[in-house]
């Protein structure tokens, strides 16, 4: 993971203003995630980010399509609360 440049695609949070954070969706409008996903991935690529960490959303209605697209974009690589630090380092 050394030398990697990560970006987060996360739920809107006014407290986060870091340049390595892209607003992915707001809890009130999960359809926004579907609209934003590919634009944010292209932006991450054009700005030189080589690791994208995206917050999963509830896979119902619009969320099902978004999660399907995220999983495919991530080659079905998922990090959850059971993933160890060693496993994450191997992924990166």
N, C-alpha and C. Protein backbone atom coordinates (compact mmCIF):
# COMPACT_ATOMS: atom_id res chain seq x y z
N UNK A 1 0.82 -1.20 0.00
CA UNK A 1 0.00 0.00 0.00
C UNK A 1 0.86 1.26 0.00
N UNK A 2 2.16 1.07 0.16
CA UNK A 2 3.04 2.23 0.18
C UNK A 2 2.97 2.95 -1.17
N UNK A 3 2.86 4.27 -1.12
CA UNK A 3 2.86 5.06 -2.33
C UNK A 3 1.52 5.11 -3.04
N UNK A 4 0.51 4.48 -2.49
CA UNK A 4 -0.82 4.51 -3.11
C UNK A 4 -1.52 5.80 -2.74
N UNK A 5 -2.33 6.29 -3.66
CA UNK A 5 -3.09 7.53 -3.43
C UNK A 5 -4.58 7.16 -3.37
N UNK A 6 -5.16 7.09 -2.15
CA UNK A 6 -6.55 6.66 -2.02
C UNK A 6 -7.54 7.82 -2.06
N UNK A 7 -8.76 7.49 -2.45
CA UNK A 7 -9.87 8.43 -2.40
C UNK A 7 -11.07 7.70 -1.81
N UNK A 8 -11.89 8.41 -1.08
CA UNK A 8 -13.11 7.85 -0.50
C UNK A 8 -14.33 8.34 -1.25
N UNK A 9 -15.23 7.44 -1.61
CA UNK A 9 -16.55 7.80 -2.12
C UNK A 9 -17.50 7.48 -0.97
N UNK A 10 -18.05 8.51 -0.36
CA UNK A 10 -18.78 8.32 0.89
C UNK A 10 -20.06 9.12 0.92
N UNK A 11 -20.88 8.82 1.92
CA UNK A 11 -22.11 9.57 2.13
C UNK A 11 -21.77 11.03 2.45
N UNK A 12 -22.63 11.92 2.01
CA UNK A 12 -22.41 13.34 2.27
C UNK A 12 -22.26 13.60 3.76
N UNK A 13 -21.22 14.35 4.09
CA UNK A 13 -20.96 14.73 5.48
C UNK A 13 -20.29 16.10 5.45
N UNK A 14 -21.01 17.10 5.91
CA UNK A 14 -20.51 18.48 5.84
C UNK A 14 -19.23 18.68 6.63
N UNK A 15 -18.94 17.78 7.57
CA UNK A 15 -17.74 17.94 8.39
C UNK A 15 -16.47 17.53 7.64
N UNK A 16 -16.62 16.78 6.56
CA UNK A 16 -15.46 16.29 5.81
C UNK A 16 -15.20 17.22 4.62
N UNK A 17 -14.02 17.80 4.58
CA UNK A 17 -13.69 18.70 3.48
C UNK A 17 -12.38 18.31 2.81
N UNK A 18 -11.88 17.14 3.10
CA UNK A 18 -10.61 16.67 2.57
C UNK A 18 -10.69 16.50 1.06
N UNK A 19 -9.60 16.79 0.36
CA UNK A 19 -9.57 16.64 -1.10
C UNK A 19 -9.58 15.17 -1.52
N UNK A 20 -9.38 14.26 -0.58
CA UNK A 20 -9.41 12.84 -0.89
C UNK A 20 -10.78 12.24 -0.54
N UNK A 21 -11.80 13.06 -0.53
CA UNK A 21 -13.16 12.63 -0.23
C UNK A 21 -14.08 13.17 -1.31
N UNK A 22 -14.80 12.30 -1.98
CA UNK A 22 -15.78 12.72 -2.97
C UNK A 22 -17.16 12.34 -2.44
N UNK A 23 -18.09 13.28 -2.47
CA UNK A 23 -19.45 12.99 -2.02
C UNK A 23 -20.11 12.03 -3.01
N UNK A 24 -20.49 10.87 -2.53
CA UNK A 24 -21.06 9.83 -3.36
C UNK A 24 -22.59 9.92 -3.40
N UNK A 25 -23.20 10.11 -2.25
CA UNK A 25 -24.65 10.21 -2.15
C UNK A 25 -25.02 10.83 -0.83
N UNK A 26 -26.26 11.25 -0.70
CA UNK A 26 -26.77 11.69 0.59
C UNK A 26 -27.78 10.64 1.04
N UNK A 27 -27.92 10.47 2.33
CA UNK A 27 -28.83 9.46 2.86
C UNK A 27 -30.26 9.71 2.39
N UNK A 28 -30.60 10.96 2.18
CA UNK A 28 -31.96 11.31 1.76
C UNK A 28 -32.19 11.00 0.28
N UNK A 29 -31.12 10.89 -0.51
CA UNK A 29 -31.26 10.70 -1.97
C UNK A 29 -30.26 9.68 -2.47
N UNK A 30 -30.56 8.41 -2.24
CA UNK A 30 -29.63 7.35 -2.66
C UNK A 30 -29.60 7.22 -4.18
N UNK A 31 -30.61 7.71 -4.88
CA UNK A 31 -30.58 7.68 -6.34
C UNK A 31 -29.42 8.52 -6.86
N UNK A 32 -28.96 9.46 -6.05
CA UNK A 32 -27.82 10.30 -6.40
C UNK A 32 -26.57 9.44 -6.61
N UNK A 33 -26.45 8.34 -5.86
CA UNK A 33 -25.28 7.47 -6.00
C UNK A 33 -25.20 6.90 -7.40
N UNK A 34 -26.32 6.47 -7.95
CA UNK A 34 -26.34 5.92 -9.30
C UNK A 34 -25.91 6.98 -10.32
N UNK A 35 -26.33 8.19 -10.10
CA UNK A 35 -25.98 9.28 -11.02
C UNK A 35 -24.51 9.65 -10.90
N UNK A 36 -23.96 9.55 -9.71
CA UNK A 36 -22.59 10.01 -9.45
C UNK A 36 -21.50 8.98 -9.69
N UNK A 37 -21.83 7.70 -9.63
CA UNK A 37 -20.81 6.66 -9.56
C UNK A 37 -19.76 6.76 -10.66
N UNK A 38 -20.15 6.68 -11.91
CA UNK A 38 -19.14 6.65 -12.97
C UNK A 38 -18.43 7.98 -13.13
N UNK A 39 -19.13 9.08 -12.89
CA UNK A 39 -18.46 10.40 -12.94
C UNK A 39 -17.39 10.49 -11.87
N UNK A 40 -17.67 9.98 -10.67
CA UNK A 40 -16.69 10.02 -9.60
C UNK A 40 -15.51 9.08 -9.86
N UNK A 41 -15.78 7.92 -10.44
CA UNK A 41 -14.68 7.01 -10.80
C UNK A 41 -13.79 7.63 -11.87
N UNK A 42 -14.39 8.28 -12.86
CA UNK A 42 -13.59 8.97 -13.89
C UNK A 42 -12.79 10.11 -13.27
N UNK A 43 -13.41 10.86 -12.36
CA UNK A 43 -12.70 11.95 -11.69
C UNK A 43 -11.52 11.41 -10.88
N UNK A 44 -11.74 10.33 -10.15
CA UNK A 44 -10.66 9.73 -9.36
C UNK A 44 -9.50 9.34 -10.26
N UNK A 45 -9.81 8.75 -11.40
CA UNK A 45 -8.78 8.35 -12.35
C UNK A 45 -8.04 9.57 -12.90
N UNK A 46 -8.78 10.58 -13.30
CA UNK A 46 -8.15 11.76 -13.90
C UNK A 46 -7.32 12.56 -12.89
N UNK A 47 -7.66 12.44 -11.59
CA UNK A 47 -6.89 13.15 -10.56
C UNK A 47 -5.77 12.29 -9.97
N UNK A 48 -5.55 11.11 -10.56
CA UNK A 48 -4.41 10.30 -10.17
C UNK A 48 -4.59 9.41 -8.96
N UNK A 49 -5.82 9.22 -8.51
CA UNK A 49 -6.05 8.31 -7.38
C UNK A 49 -5.95 6.88 -7.90
N UNK A 50 -5.25 6.02 -7.17
CA UNK A 50 -5.11 4.65 -7.63
C UNK A 50 -5.77 3.63 -6.72
N UNK A 51 -6.40 4.10 -5.65
CA UNK A 51 -7.20 3.24 -4.77
C UNK A 51 -8.50 3.98 -4.48
N UNK A 52 -9.62 3.31 -4.74
CA UNK A 52 -10.92 3.91 -4.47
C UNK A 52 -11.62 3.06 -3.42
N UNK A 53 -11.99 3.70 -2.32
CA UNK A 53 -12.76 3.05 -1.26
C UNK A 53 -14.15 3.66 -1.29
N UNK A 54 -15.15 2.82 -1.54
CA UNK A 54 -16.51 3.33 -1.66
C UNK A 54 -17.39 2.73 -0.56
N UNK A 55 -18.19 3.58 0.04
CA UNK A 55 -19.13 3.13 1.05
C UNK A 55 -20.25 2.37 0.34
N UNK A 56 -20.55 1.18 0.85
CA UNK A 56 -21.68 0.43 0.31
C UNK A 56 -22.99 1.07 0.75
N UNK A 57 -24.03 0.81 -0.03
CA UNK A 57 -25.35 1.31 0.34
C UNK A 57 -26.33 0.14 0.33
N UNK A 58 -27.45 0.34 0.97
CA UNK A 58 -28.47 -0.70 1.06
C UNK A 58 -28.87 -1.17 -0.34
N UNK A 59 -28.73 -2.46 -0.64
CA UNK A 59 -29.00 -2.94 -1.99
C UNK A 59 -30.48 -3.16 -2.29
N UNK A 60 -31.26 -2.12 -2.09
CA UNK A 60 -32.67 -2.16 -2.46
C UNK A 60 -32.93 -1.01 -3.43
N UNK A 61 -33.88 -1.20 -4.31
CA UNK A 61 -34.25 -0.20 -5.31
C UNK A 61 -33.02 0.28 -6.06
N UNK A 62 -32.73 1.60 -6.06
CA UNK A 62 -31.57 2.13 -6.77
C UNK A 62 -30.27 1.57 -6.22
N UNK A 63 -30.26 1.26 -4.94
CA UNK A 63 -29.05 0.76 -4.30
C UNK A 63 -28.59 -0.58 -4.86
N UNK A 64 -29.51 -1.41 -5.33
CA UNK A 64 -29.14 -2.70 -5.89
C UNK A 64 -28.29 -2.51 -7.14
N UNK A 65 -28.70 -1.62 -8.00
CA UNK A 65 -27.93 -1.34 -9.22
C UNK A 65 -26.57 -0.73 -8.89
N UNK A 66 -26.54 0.19 -7.95
CA UNK A 66 -25.28 0.83 -7.55
C UNK A 66 -24.32 -0.20 -6.97
N UNK A 67 -24.80 -1.05 -6.08
CA UNK A 67 -23.92 -2.05 -5.48
C UNK A 67 -23.42 -3.04 -6.53
N UNK A 68 -24.26 -3.41 -7.48
CA UNK A 68 -23.84 -4.29 -8.56
C UNK A 68 -22.71 -3.63 -9.37
N UNK A 69 -22.87 -2.36 -9.70
CA UNK A 69 -21.85 -1.63 -10.45
C UNK A 69 -20.57 -1.49 -9.64
N UNK A 70 -20.69 -1.19 -8.35
CA UNK A 70 -19.51 -1.07 -7.48
C UNK A 70 -18.75 -2.39 -7.39
N UNK A 71 -19.48 -3.46 -7.18
CA UNK A 71 -18.83 -4.77 -7.07
C UNK A 71 -18.08 -5.13 -8.35
N UNK A 72 -18.67 -4.85 -9.48
CA UNK A 72 -18.01 -5.15 -10.76
C UNK A 72 -16.80 -4.25 -10.97
N UNK A 73 -16.92 -2.97 -10.62
CA UNK A 73 -15.79 -2.04 -10.76
C UNK A 73 -14.64 -2.44 -9.84
N UNK A 74 -14.98 -3.06 -8.71
CA UNK A 74 -13.97 -3.47 -7.73
C UNK A 74 -13.51 -4.91 -7.94
N UNK A 75 -13.90 -5.51 -9.05
CA UNK A 75 -13.57 -6.92 -9.32
C UNK A 75 -14.00 -7.80 -8.13
N UNK A 76 -15.15 -7.46 -7.55
CA UNK A 76 -15.75 -8.19 -6.44
C UNK A 76 -14.86 -8.22 -5.19
N UNK A 77 -14.03 -7.20 -5.02
CA UNK A 77 -13.19 -7.06 -3.83
C UNK A 77 -13.96 -6.23 -2.81
N UNK A 78 -14.24 -6.83 -1.66
CA UNK A 78 -15.03 -6.16 -0.62
C UNK A 78 -14.23 -6.15 0.68
N UNK A 79 -14.19 -4.99 1.31
CA UNK A 79 -13.59 -4.86 2.63
C UNK A 79 -14.74 -4.62 3.61
N UNK A 80 -14.80 -5.45 4.64
CA UNK A 80 -15.82 -5.26 5.67
C UNK A 80 -15.18 -5.36 7.05
N UNK A 81 -16.01 -5.40 8.08
CA UNK A 81 -15.48 -5.39 9.45
C UNK A 81 -14.66 -6.63 9.78
N UNK A 82 -14.78 -7.69 9.01
CA UNK A 82 -14.02 -8.92 9.26
C UNK A 82 -12.68 -8.94 8.52
N UNK A 83 -12.47 -8.01 7.61
CA UNK A 83 -11.24 -7.98 6.81
C UNK A 83 -10.07 -7.54 7.68
N UNK A 84 -9.01 -8.33 7.68
CA UNK A 84 -7.84 -7.99 8.50
C UNK A 84 -6.95 -6.98 7.78
N UNK A 85 -6.10 -6.33 8.54
CA UNK A 85 -5.15 -5.37 7.98
C UNK A 85 -4.24 -6.06 6.95
N UNK A 86 -3.84 -7.27 7.23
CA UNK A 86 -2.99 -8.01 6.30
C UNK A 86 -3.70 -8.27 4.99
N UNK A 87 -4.99 -8.62 5.06
CA UNK A 87 -5.76 -8.86 3.85
C UNK A 87 -5.90 -7.58 3.03
N UNK A 88 -6.13 -6.47 3.72
CA UNK A 88 -6.23 -5.18 3.02
C UNK A 88 -4.91 -4.85 2.33
N UNK A 89 -3.80 -5.05 3.02
CA UNK A 89 -2.49 -4.76 2.41
C UNK A 89 -2.26 -5.61 1.17
N UNK A 90 -2.69 -6.87 1.19
CA UNK A 90 -2.55 -7.73 0.01
C UNK A 90 -3.40 -7.24 -1.13
N UNK A 91 -4.57 -6.70 -0.83
CA UNK A 91 -5.48 -6.18 -1.86
C UNK A 91 -4.89 -4.96 -2.56
N UNK A 92 -4.18 -4.17 -1.79
CA UNK A 92 -3.64 -2.93 -2.32
C UNK A 92 -2.33 -3.20 -3.03
